[in-house]
Each structure stands twice: as structure tokens, then as C-alpha cells.
C-alpha atoms as a PDB file:
ATOM      1  CA  UNK A   1      51.780 -27.090 -64.163  1.00  0.00           C
ATOM      2  CA  UNK A   2      52.988 -26.742 -60.900  1.00  0.00           C
ATOM      3  CA  UNK A   3      55.739 -28.600 -59.325  1.00  0.00           C
ATOM      4  CA  UNK A   4      54.529 -30.646 -55.748  1.00  0.00           C
ATOM      5  CA  UNK A   5      56.479 -28.756 -53.570  1.00  0.00           C
ATOM      6  CA  UNK A   6      56.287 -25.075 -54.594  1.00  0.00           C
ATOM      7  CA  UNK A   7      59.051 -22.675 -55.458  1.00  0.00           C
ATOM      8  CA  UNK A   8      57.590 -19.580 -53.679  1.00  0.00           C
ATOM      9  CA  UNK A   9      55.701 -19.409 -50.449  1.00  0.00           C
ATOM     10  CA  UNK A  10      53.857 -16.296 -49.740  1.00  0.00           C
ATOM     11  CA  UNK A  11      52.737 -15.596 -46.666  1.00  0.00           C
ATOM     12  CA  UNK A  12      50.238 -13.196 -45.723  1.00  0.00           C
ATOM     13  CA  UNK A  13      49.044 -12.652 -42.157  1.00  0.00           C
ATOM     14  CA  UNK A  14      45.703 -10.998 -41.516  1.00  0.00           C
ATOM     15  CA  UNK A  15      44.443  -9.100 -38.827  1.00  0.00           C
ATOM     16  CA  UNK A  16      40.965  -7.627 -39.459  1.00  0.00           C
ATOM     17  CA  UNK A  17      42.014  -6.949 -43.331  1.00  0.00           C
ATOM     18  CA  UNK A  18      39.348  -9.048 -45.139  1.00  0.00           C
ATOM     19  CA  UNK A  19      38.050  -5.967 -46.725  1.00  0.00           C
ATOM     20  CA  UNK A  20      41.353  -5.765 -48.348  1.00  0.00           C
ATOM     21  CA  UNK A  21      42.456 -10.099 -48.796  1.00  0.00           C
ATOM     22  CA  UNK A  22      40.970 -10.164 -51.818  1.00  0.00           C
ATOM     23  CA  UNK A  23      43.191  -7.258 -53.693  1.00  0.00           C
ATOM     24  CA  UNK A  24      46.250  -9.002 -52.440  1.00  0.00           C
ATOM     25  CA  UNK A  25      45.598 -12.392 -52.810  1.00  0.00           C
ATOM     26  CA  UNK A  26      44.637 -11.865 -56.721  1.00  0.00           C
ATOM     27  CA  UNK A  27      47.612  -9.743 -56.963  1.00  0.00           C
ATOM     28  CA  UNK A  28      49.796 -12.612 -56.165  1.00  0.00           C
ATOM     29  CA  UNK A  29      47.329 -15.145 -58.564  1.00  0.00           C
ATOM     30  CA  UNK A  30      47.764 -12.806 -61.155  1.00  0.00           C
ATOM     31  CA  UNK A  31      51.758 -13.663 -61.339  1.00  0.00           C
ATOM     32  CA  UNK A  32      53.619 -14.380 -64.335  1.00  0.00           C
ATOM     33  CA  UNK A  33      55.185 -16.887 -62.316  1.00  0.00           C
ATOM     34  CA  UNK A  34      52.471 -19.136 -61.129  1.00  0.00           C
ATOM     35  CA  UNK A  35      54.548 -21.881 -58.973  1.00  0.00           C
ATOM     36  CA  UNK A  36      53.753 -21.010 -55.648  1.00  0.00           C
ATOM     37  CA  UNK A  37      51.618 -21.397 -52.399  1.00  0.00           C
ATOM     38  CA  UNK A  38      49.648 -18.785 -50.572  1.00  0.00           C
ATOM     39  CA  UNK A  39      49.610 -19.048 -46.726  1.00  0.00           C
ATOM     40  CA  UNK A  40      47.123 -16.391 -44.889  1.00  0.00           C
ATOM     41  CA  UNK A  41      46.920 -16.481 -41.295  1.00  0.00           C
ATOM     42  CA  UNK A  42      44.664 -14.873 -39.431  1.00  0.00           C
ATOM     43  CA  UNK A  43      46.255 -13.532 -36.512  1.00  0.00           C
ATOM     44  CA  UNK A  44      43.410 -13.766 -33.940  1.00  0.00           C
ATOM     45  CA  UNK A  45      41.149 -11.539 -36.180  1.00  0.00           C
ATOM     46  CA  UNK A  46      38.070  -9.932 -34.157  1.00  0.00           C
ATOM     47  CA  UNK A  47      36.394  -8.278 -37.023  1.00  0.00           C
ATOM     48  CA  UNK A  48      33.272 -10.248 -37.781  1.00  0.00           C
ATOM     49  CA  UNK A  49      33.543  -9.452 -41.364  1.00  0.00           C
ATOM     50  CA  UNK A  50      37.401 -10.685 -41.632  1.00  0.00           C
ATOM     51  CA  UNK A  51      36.697 -13.793 -39.425  1.00  0.00           C
ATOM     52  CA  UNK A  52      33.599 -14.950 -41.781  1.00  0.00           C
ATOM     53  CA  UNK A  53      35.437 -14.395 -44.502  1.00  0.00           C
ATOM     54  CA  UNK A  54      38.656 -16.295 -43.771  1.00  0.00           C
ATOM     55  CA  UNK A  55      36.219 -18.926 -42.392  1.00  0.00           C
ATOM     56  CA  UNK A  56      34.816 -19.423 -45.777  1.00  0.00           C
ATOM     57  CA  UNK A  57      37.821 -18.990 -47.759  1.00  0.00           C
ATOM     58  CA  UNK A  58      38.403 -20.557 -51.143  1.00  0.00           C
ATOM     59  CA  UNK A  59      41.106 -18.807 -53.239  1.00  0.00           C
ATOM     60  CA  UNK A  60      43.158 -21.027 -55.637  1.00  0.00           C
ATOM     61  CA  UNK A  61      46.353 -21.933 -54.365  1.00  0.00           C
ATOM     62  CA  UNK A  62      45.479 -20.621 -50.617  1.00  0.00           C
ATOM     63  CA  UNK A  63      45.736 -22.163 -47.210  1.00  0.00           C
ATOM     64  CA  UNK A  64      44.353 -20.704 -44.389  1.00  0.00           C
ATOM     65  CA  UNK A  65      45.715 -20.876 -40.685  1.00  0.00           C
ATOM     66  CA  UNK A  66      43.221 -19.521 -37.733  1.00  0.00           C
ATOM     67  CA  UNK A  67      45.526 -18.573 -34.537  1.00  0.00           C
ATOM     68  CA  UNK A  68      44.964 -16.363 -31.307  1.00  0.00           C
ATOM     69  CA  UNK A  69      46.339 -12.822 -31.756  1.00  0.00           C
ATOM     70  CA  UNK A  70      49.961 -12.985 -31.480  1.00  0.00           C
ATOM     71  CA  UNK A  71      51.214  -9.891 -33.243  1.00  0.00           C
ATOM     72  CA  UNK A  72      52.906  -9.608 -36.679  1.00  0.00           C
ATOM     73  CA  UNK A  73      56.271 -11.263 -36.255  1.00  0.00           C
ATOM     74  CA  UNK A  74      54.841 -14.199 -34.646  1.00  0.00           C
ATOM     75  CA  UNK A  75      51.816 -14.408 -37.672  1.00  0.00           C
ATOM     76  CA  UNK A  76      54.729 -14.626 -40.143  1.00  0.00           C
ATOM     77  CA  UNK A  77      56.516 -16.833 -38.124  1.00  0.00           C
ATOM     78  CA  UNK A  78      54.012 -19.582 -37.932  1.00  0.00           C
ATOM     79  CA  UNK A  79      53.057 -19.363 -41.511  1.00  0.00           C
ATOM     80  CA  UNK A  80      56.688 -19.865 -42.785  1.00  0.00           C
ATOM     81  CA  UNK A  81      56.829 -22.922 -40.510  1.00  0.00           C
ATOM     82  CA  UNK A  82      53.902 -24.436 -42.989  1.00  0.00           C
ATOM     83  CA  UNK A  83      55.389 -23.288 -45.618  1.00  0.00           C
ATOM     84  CA  UNK A  84      57.038 -25.427 -48.425  1.00  0.00           C
ATOM     85  CA  UNK A  85      58.375 -23.116 -50.901  1.00  0.00           C
ATOM     86  CA  UNK A  86      62.422 -22.693 -51.803  1.00  0.00           C
ATOM     87  CA  UNK A  87      61.987 -19.105 -51.376  1.00  0.00           C
ATOM     88  CA  UNK A  88      59.450 -17.032 -49.500  1.00  0.00           C
ATOM     89  CA  UNK A  89      57.637 -13.516 -49.718  1.00  0.00           C
ATOM     90  CA  UNK A  90      55.774 -11.812 -47.147  1.00  0.00           C
ATOM     91  CA  UNK A  91      53.033  -9.777 -47.747  1.00  0.00           C
ATOM     92  CA  UNK A  92      50.514  -7.329 -45.870  1.00  0.00           C
ATOM     93  CA  UNK A  93      47.077  -8.267 -46.485  1.00  0.00           C
ATOM     94  CA  UNK A  94      46.546  -4.740 -47.357  1.00  0.00           C
ATOM     95  CA  UNK A  95      49.161  -4.441 -50.246  1.00  0.00           C
ATOM     96  CA  UNK A  96      49.850  -5.672 -53.500  1.00  0.00           C
ATOM     97  CA  UNK A  97      52.449  -6.980 -55.683  1.00  0.00           C
ATOM     98  CA  UNK A  98      52.650  -6.717 -59.534  1.00  0.00           C
ATOM     99  CA  UNK A  99      52.164  -9.413 -61.944  1.00  0.00           C
ATOM    100  CA  UNK A 100      55.887  -9.797 -62.960  1.00  0.00           C
ATOM    101  CA  UNK A 101      57.773  -9.289 -58.892  1.00  0.00           C
ATOM    102  CA  UNK A 102      57.989 -13.310 -58.579  1.00  0.00           C
ATOM    103  CA  UNK A 103      59.438 -14.276 -62.116  1.00  0.00           C
ATOM    104  CA  UNK A 104      62.037 -10.917 -61.710  1.00  0.00           C
ATOM    105  CA  UNK A 105      62.902 -11.644 -58.193  1.00  0.00           C
ATOM    106  CA  UNK A 106      63.221 -15.865 -58.673  1.00  0.00           C
ATOM    107  CA  UNK A 107      65.574 -15.443 -61.501  1.00  0.00           C
ATOM    108  CA  UNK A 108      67.877 -13.261 -59.397  1.00  0.00           C
ATOM    109  CA  UNK A 109      67.851 -15.547 -56.584  1.00  0.00           C
ATOM    110  CA  UNK A 110      68.301 -18.875 -59.210  1.00  0.00           C
ATOM    111  CA  UNK A 111      70.739 -17.041 -61.067  1.00  0.00           C
ATOM    112  CA  UNK A 112      73.086 -16.069 -58.069  1.00  0.00           C
ATOM    113  CA  UNK A 113      73.318 -18.205 -54.795  1.00  0.00           C
ATOM    114  CA  UNK A 114      75.167 -15.606 -52.920  1.00  0.00           C
ATOM    115  CA  UNK A 115      71.854 -13.526 -53.227  1.00  0.00           C
ATOM    116  CA  UNK A 116      69.611 -14.105 -50.281  1.00  0.00           C
ATOM    117  CA  UNK A 117      66.982 -11.100 -50.897  1.00  0.00           C
ATOM    118  CA  UNK A 118      65.886  -9.029 -53.432  1.00  0.00           C
ATOM    119  CA  UNK A 119      63.813  -5.972 -53.337  1.00  0.00           C
ATOM    120  CA  UNK A 120      62.378  -3.189 -55.449  1.00  0.00           C
ATOM    121  CA  UNK A 121      60.959   0.116 -55.626  1.00  0.00           C
ATOM    122  CA  UNK A 122      57.372   1.153 -54.402  1.00  0.00           C
ATOM    123  CA  UNK A 123      54.479   2.630 -55.529  1.00  0.00           C
ATOM    124  CA  UNK A 124      51.484   4.074 -53.147  1.00  0.00           C
ATOM    125  CA  UNK A 125      47.979   3.789 -53.948  1.00  0.00           C
ATOM    126  CA  UNK A 126      44.766   4.120 -51.974  1.00  0.00           C
ATOM    127  CA  UNK A 127      44.547   7.355 -50.348  1.00  0.00           C
ATOM    128  CA  UNK A 128      47.979   8.556 -51.786  1.00  0.00           C
ATOM    129  CA  UNK A 129      49.467   8.054 -54.916  1.00  0.00           C
ATOM    130  CA  UNK A 130      53.133   8.378 -56.135  1.00  0.00           C
ATOM    131  CA  UNK A 131      56.733   6.530 -56.425  1.00  0.00           C
ATOM    132  CA  UNK A 132      58.582   6.047 -53.305  1.00  0.00           C
ATOM    133  CA  UNK A 133      62.219   5.556 -54.845  1.00  0.00           C
ATOM    134  CA  UNK A 134      64.295   3.238 -52.193  1.00  0.00           C
ATOM    135  CA  UNK A 135      67.889   3.887 -51.994  1.00  0.00           C
ATOM    136  CA  UNK A 136      70.295   1.395 -53.000  1.00  0.00           C
ATOM    137  CA  UNK A 137      71.229  -1.473 -50.753  1.00  0.00           C
ATOM    138  CA  UNK A 138      75.042  -0.763 -48.798  1.00  0.00           C
ATOM    139  CA  UNK A 139      76.157  -2.984 -45.707  1.00  0.00           C
ATOM    140  CA  UNK A 140      77.082   0.443 -44.071  1.00  0.00           C
ATOM    141  CA  UNK A 141      73.754   1.925 -44.590  1.00  0.00           C
ATOM    142  CA  UNK A 142      71.264  -0.638 -43.285  1.00  0.00           C
ATOM    143  CA  UNK A 143      73.208  -0.719 -39.843  1.00  0.00           C
ATOM    144  CA  UNK A 144      71.614   3.082 -39.617  1.00  0.00           C
ATOM    145  CA  UNK A 145      68.876   2.778 -41.621  1.00  0.00           C
ATOM    146  CA  UNK A 146      66.265   0.585 -43.305  1.00  0.00           C
ATOM    147  CA  UNK A 147      65.784   0.754 -46.942  1.00  0.00           C
ATOM    148  CA  UNK A 148      64.831  -3.203 -47.731  1.00  0.00           C
ATOM    149  CA  UNK A 149      60.666  -3.468 -47.965  1.00  0.00           C
ATOM    150  CA  UNK A 150      58.600  -5.943 -45.783  1.00  0.00           C
ATOM    151  CA  UNK A 151      57.735  -7.688 -49.157  1.00  0.00           C
ATOM    152  CA  UNK A 152      61.185  -8.948 -50.276  1.00  0.00           C
ATOM    153  CA  UNK A 153      61.875 -12.506 -51.548  1.00  0.00           C
ATOM    154  CA  UNK A 154      64.379 -14.178 -49.784  1.00  0.00           C
ATOM    155  CA  UNK A 155      65.155 -17.873 -49.289  1.00  0.00           C
ATOM    156  CA  UNK A 156      63.776 -20.275 -46.714  1.00  0.00           C
ATOM    157  CA  UNK A 157      67.379 -21.730 -45.866  1.00  0.00           C
ATOM    158  CA  UNK A 158      68.567 -18.493 -45.105  1.00  0.00           C
ATOM    159  CA  UNK A 159      65.269 -18.045 -42.668  1.00  0.00           C
ATOM    160  CA  UNK A 160      66.099 -21.146 -41.059  1.00  0.00           C
ATOM    161  CA  UNK A 161      69.745 -19.822 -40.356  1.00  0.00           C
ATOM    162  CA  UNK A 162      68.099 -17.288 -37.889  1.00  0.00           C
ATOM    163  CA  UNK A 163      65.566 -16.989 -35.230  1.00  0.00           C
ATOM    164  CA  UNK A 164      62.604 -15.698 -37.362  1.00  0.00           C
ATOM    165  CA  UNK A 165      61.063 -12.563 -37.219  1.00  0.00           C
ATOM    166  CA  UNK A 166      61.666 -11.674 -33.396  1.00  0.00           C
ATOM    167  CA  UNK A 167      58.494 -10.779 -31.291  1.00  0.00           C
ATOM    168  CA  UNK A 168      60.865  -8.562 -29.012  1.00  0.00           C
ATOM    169  CA  UNK A 169      60.191  -6.052 -31.882  1.00  0.00           C
ATOM    170  CA  UNK A 170      56.730  -4.941 -29.926  1.00  0.00           C
ATOM    171  CA  UNK A 171      56.779  -1.650 -31.802  1.00  0.00           C
ATOM    172  CA  UNK A 172      57.621  -2.037 -35.167  1.00  0.00           C
ATOM    173  CA  UNK A 173      60.502  -2.358 -37.407  1.00  0.00           C
ATOM    174  CA  UNK A 174      60.991  -6.225 -37.209  1.00  0.00           C
ATOM    175  CA  UNK A 175      61.531  -6.382 -41.003  1.00  0.00           C
ATOM    176  CA  UNK A 176      64.369  -4.187 -40.401  1.00  0.00           C
ATOM    177  CA  UNK A 177      65.406  -6.424 -37.637  1.00  0.00           C
ATOM    178  CA  UNK A 178      65.032  -9.389 -39.700  1.00  0.00           C
ATOM    179  CA  UNK A 179      67.309  -8.412 -42.637  1.00  0.00           C
ATOM    180  CA  UNK A 180      69.700  -8.134 -40.290  1.00  0.00           C
ATOM    181  CA  UNK A 181      69.736 -11.621 -39.277  1.00  0.00           C
ATOM    182  CA  UNK A 182      69.919 -12.968 -42.788  1.00  0.00           C
ATOM    183  CA  UNK A 183      72.658 -10.375 -43.870  1.00  0.00           C
ATOM    184  CA  UNK A 184      74.826 -10.912 -41.063  1.00  0.00           C
ATOM    185  CA  UNK A 185      74.934 -14.895 -42.117  1.00  0.00           C
ATOM    186  CA  UNK A 186      76.230 -13.637 -44.968  1.00  0.00           C
ATOM    187  CA  UNK A 187      73.245 -13.191 -47.585  1.00  0.00           C
ATOM    188  CA  UNK A 188      73.799 -10.525 -50.375  1.00  0.00           C
ATOM    189  CA  UNK A 189      71.203  -8.133 -51.751  1.00  0.00           C
ATOM    190  CA  UNK A 190      69.814  -6.901 -54.929  1.00  0.00           C
ATOM    191  CA  UNK A 191      67.509  -4.062 -55.758  1.00  0.00           C
ATOM    192  CA  UNK A 192      65.228  -4.674 -58.809  1.00  0.00           C
ATOM    193  CA  UNK A 193      65.456  -1.848 -60.957  1.00  0.00           C
ATOM    194  CA  UNK A 194      61.276  -1.147 -61.147  1.00  0.00           C
ATOM    195  CA  UNK A 195      58.297  -1.060 -59.370  1.00  0.00           C
ATOM    196  CA  UNK A 196      56.931  -4.292 -58.020  1.00  0.00           C
ATOM    197  CA  UNK A 197      55.503  -3.519 -54.560  1.00  0.00           C
ATOM    198  CA  UNK A 198      52.523  -1.653 -54.027  1.00  0.00           C
ATOM    199  CA  UNK A 199      51.996  -0.130 -50.526  1.00  0.00           C
ATOM    200  CA  UNK A 200      48.849   0.916 -49.465  1.00  0.00           C
ATOM    201  CA  UNK A 201      48.291   4.392 -47.676  1.00  0.00           C
ATOM    202  CA  UNK A 202      45.147   5.075 -45.427  1.00  0.00           C
ATOM    203  CA  UNK A 203      44.450   8.362 -43.779  1.00  0.00           C
ATOM    204  CA  UNK A 204      42.011   6.831 -41.490  1.00  0.00           C
ATOM    205  CA  UNK A 205      43.734   4.046 -40.531  1.00  0.00           C
ATOM    206  CA  UNK A 206      43.308   3.554 -36.542  1.00  0.00           C
ATOM    207  CA  UNK A 207      45.953   0.868 -35.572  1.00  0.00           C
ATOM    208  CA  UNK A 208      48.489   3.705 -36.514  1.00  0.00           C
ATOM    209  CA  UNK A 209      49.876   4.353 -33.204  1.00  0.00           C
ATOM    210  CA  UNK A 210      52.546   7.290 -34.265  1.00  0.00           C
ATOM    211  CA  UNK A 211      55.922   5.702 -33.696  1.00  0.00           C
ATOM    212  CA  UNK A 212      57.092   8.449 -35.725  1.00  0.00           C
ATOM    213  CA  UNK A 213      56.040  10.737 -32.779  1.00  0.00           C
ATOM    214  CA  UNK A 214      57.495   8.550 -30.043  1.00  0.00           C
ATOM    215  CA  UNK A 215      60.849   9.526 -29.287  1.00  0.00           C
ATOM    216  CA  UNK A 216      60.552   6.437 -26.350  1.00  0.00           C
ATOM    217  CA  UNK A 217      59.285   3.907 -28.641  1.00  0.00           C
ATOM    218  CA  UNK A 218      62.172   4.799 -31.246  1.00  0.00           C
ATOM    219  CA  UNK A 219      64.748   4.466 -28.720  1.00  0.00           C
ATOM    220  CA  UNK A 220      63.234   1.247 -27.661  1.00  0.00           C
ATOM    221  CA  UNK A 221      63.208   0.019 -30.949  1.00  0.00           C
ATOM    222  CA  UNK A 222      66.913   1.196 -31.958  1.00  0.00           C
ATOM    223  CA  UNK A 223      68.235  -0.066 -28.926  1.00  0.00           C
ATOM    224  CA  UNK A 224      66.615  -3.474 -29.055  1.00  0.00           C
ATOM    225  CA  UNK A 225      67.790  -4.148 -32.952  1.00  0.00           C
ATOM    226  CA  UNK A 226      71.007  -3.105 -31.833  1.00  0.00           C
ATOM    227  CA  UNK A 227      71.198  -5.718 -28.863  1.00  0.00           C
ATOM    228  CA  UNK A 228      69.760  -8.208 -31.089  1.00  0.00           C
ATOM    229  CA  UNK A 229      72.463  -7.730 -33.400  1.00  0.00           C
ATOM    230  CA  UNK A 230      75.296  -7.017 -31.120  1.00  0.00           C
ATOM    231  CA  UNK A 231      78.274  -8.903 -32.318  1.00  0.00           C
ATOM    232  CA  UNK A 232      77.463  -7.621 -35.871  1.00  0.00           C
ATOM    233  CA  UNK A 233      77.139  -4.034 -35.259  1.00  0.00           C
ATOM    234  CA  UNK A 234      80.732  -4.167 -33.077  1.00  0.00           C
ATOM    235  CA  UNK A 235      82.272  -6.194 -35.909  1.00  0.00           C
ATOM    236  CA  UNK A 236      81.171  -3.359 -38.490  1.00  0.00           C
ATOM    237  CA  UNK A 237      81.212  -0.492 -36.488  1.00  0.00           C
ATOM    238  CA  UNK A 238      83.380  -0.946 -33.542  1.00  0.00           C
ATOM    239  CA  UNK A 239      83.101   1.257 -30.534  1.00  0.00           C
ATOM    240  CA  UNK A 240      79.723   0.652 -29.231  1.00  0.00           C
ATOM    241  CA  UNK A 241      79.327   3.462 -27.539  1.00  0.00           C
ATOM    242  CA  UNK A 242      79.989   5.704 -30.466  1.00  0.00           C
ATOM    243  CA  UNK A 243      77.880   3.611 -32.742  1.00  0.00           C
ATOM    244  CA  UNK A 244      75.101   3.792 -30.067  1.00  0.00           C
ATOM    245  CA  UNK A 245      75.266   7.593 -30.019  1.00  0.00           C
ATOM    246  CA  UNK A 246      75.356   7.369 -33.672  1.00  0.00           C
ATOM    247  CA  UNK A 247      71.742   5.758 -33.952  1.00  0.00           C
ATOM    248  CA  UNK A 248      70.331   7.925 -31.124  1.00  0.00           C
ATOM    249  CA  UNK A 249      71.417  10.817 -33.140  1.00  0.00           C
ATOM    250  CA  UNK A 250      69.159   9.233 -35.899  1.00  0.00           C
ATOM    251  CA  UNK A 251      66.269  10.117 -33.891  1.00  0.00           C
ATOM    252  CA  UNK A 252      66.576  14.171 -33.888  1.00  0.00           C
ATOM    253  CA  UNK A 253      67.819  14.339 -37.836  1.00  0.00           C
ATOM    254  CA  UNK A 254      65.804  16.382 -39.888  1.00  0.00           C
ATOM    255  CA  UNK A 255      66.038  13.542 -42.264  1.00  0.00           C
ATOM    256  CA  UNK A 256      64.681  11.386 -39.879  1.00  0.00           C
ATOM    257  CA  UNK A 257      61.718  13.631 -38.990  1.00  0.00           C
ATOM    258  CA  UNK A 258      60.370  13.500 -42.941  1.00  0.00           C
ATOM    259  CA  UNK A 259      60.941   9.930 -43.234  1.00  0.00           C
ATOM    260  CA  UNK A 260      63.800   9.833 -45.778  1.00  0.00           C
ATOM    261  CA  UNK A 261      66.454   8.243 -43.186  1.00  0.00           C
ATOM    262  CA  UNK A 262      64.933   5.535 -41.614  1.00  0.00           C
ATOM    263  CA  UNK A 263      62.047   3.667 -43.881  1.00  0.00           C
ATOM    264  CA  UNK A 264      59.951   1.675 -41.378  1.00  0.00           C
ATOM    265  CA  UNK A 265      58.617  -1.433 -43.389  1.00  0.00           C
ATOM    266  CA  UNK A 266      56.237  -2.529 -40.549  1.00  0.00           C
ATOM    267  CA  UNK A 267      53.992   0.445 -41.566  1.00  0.00           C
ATOM    268  CA  UNK A 268      54.355   2.329 -38.483  1.00  0.00           C
ATOM    269  CA  UNK A 269      55.825   5.627 -40.067  1.00  0.00           C
ATOM    270  CA  UNK A 270      52.916   6.078 -42.397  1.00  0.00           C
ATOM    271  CA  UNK A 271      51.830   9.579 -41.101  1.00  0.00           C
ATOM    272  CA  UNK A 272      54.988  10.910 -41.831  1.00  0.00           C
ATOM    273  CA  UNK A 273      54.729   9.488 -45.278  1.00  0.00           C
ATOM    274  CA  UNK A 274      50.741  11.103 -45.587  1.00  0.00           C
ATOM    275  CA  UNK A 275      51.526  14.498 -44.620  1.00  0.00           C
ATOM    276  CA  UNK A 276      55.306  14.835 -45.966  1.00  0.00           C
ATOM    277  CA  UNK A 277      56.658  13.908 -49.814  1.00  0.00           C
ATOM    278  CA  UNK A 278      59.305  11.631 -50.055  1.00  0.00           C
ATOM    279  CA  UNK A 279      61.812  13.020 -51.894  1.00  0.00           C
END
């Protein structure tokens, strides 16, 4: 029996992904842990099919919010503002989660108050199949690369200590930026040992802007992350000039170019994933 306020709020921004939304929602509805709500944010979709579908959507436990298009960060923030859950899970409208993800992640969060973020391994589906093994978390590593998927569970009280997903991350990597906001406030991170997240690959995705091939956009994003968390970087890594040089060196590294060093949770590096094998 579901409590008056759900334990988990699943936030699903949707921009022109009406053809996939049922798969995402059904993956949540089929969870072994059922104390949740689903908040779908229609982020100003222009596709007629998506608009019509969301205007008449009536799946269980779902609430639909319609907004003008403001981008992924703002759509997530809007959904979270309307949420009631103790824990939050962002989920892109074209991805899915495994049936035990909420159960396993909530178990960790309930057991250890020091843990603020729980993530897992990933499997591709759609136009590419295979497992995506993410590295284990460390603070030193996340300062120069991201290993936490976009669909990780975290505490709403920790979100409220931050400014939320930052809209100044205009080219992606808003997830990496947000995880840093949570971590710098003292939250621990836990990685589940199994696959609980399914990441859709679409070879013909017209929304891809090939951030992976745009050095200027990469430099902007790295600089913005660094400036957004200047004190944290300075405290953990010292000399800001040396650190920024290190971040920029990431862009020219071989590992980065094949997608092994920085794993972009904002779906902008899918081109690399589709064309290269992630080891």
C-alpha cells in the first residue's frame, strides 16, 4: 500500500520523445518497489504525436506538467519542485530502468545516511547492445571525469542544499555538474554492482550535436563546471592554474576521444559510444 507521500519521485523530462515514453514509464511501473510517483515534464514538445500523447496520458501514478521549452536542466528542476518523494530519480524519456533498481537503491539510502547518491552499471539497447561498465566512484576521479549516470537516486534534502541542475550548462554535462554540487556538500556515493539502467542508442538521432567533436564546446563546459565549483576544486586539488590545465589536457587525451575518460551523462557523447567500443 502506497503511503500518502511517496518514498521516491521519478522525474521524466520529455521533449518530442512520445514514441518512447511508455517504455520509460512502464519500466518504473514494473518495479519491485512500488512506493513512488512519476512526474513527466513536457518540456515544450513540438512533435504533434508527443503533444497529443501527453495531453491525454493516463498511466497510473503519473502526473504531467506542461511547460514552454527551457531545456533539460530546467525541466528536471520543475519536476523536482513539484515532487513529494524523499528520494529522487531522474529518467530520460527514451531510457529504462531494471525492475529492482528502486528497491536496491532505496535499501542503500535507507541503511546509510552518509550515502547521498546511488548509481549502477549500464546496458545499451536500441541500435546498439552491450554492457557499459562504469568505474567505481572516487572524489579525485570525479573532479576530472564523470562516472555517475544521469539516472542515479539521490536525496531530495540534498538537492535542496544545492541550486539544482544548472541551466548554464548549455551544451550538456549538467548531470556531472549537479553531482559535484551534491558531493561538495558532503554526500557519499555508492555504486550498485549490477545493471539496473538501460541506455538507448539511436543511430539516427537528429538531436545529437556532436559535442564530442567540438573542442570549443568542451572547453566551455569544462570551464563552466570548474567555475561553478571553484572553491571545491581549489580545496581538493590546489593551484587553479595547474588544475585548469589538467582539465583542458583531458580534451586531447586518447582515452577521452574514445569515450573512456569522461562519460557524458547528458547524452551528448553518444556518437563516440556508437562508433567505438567502450572497454
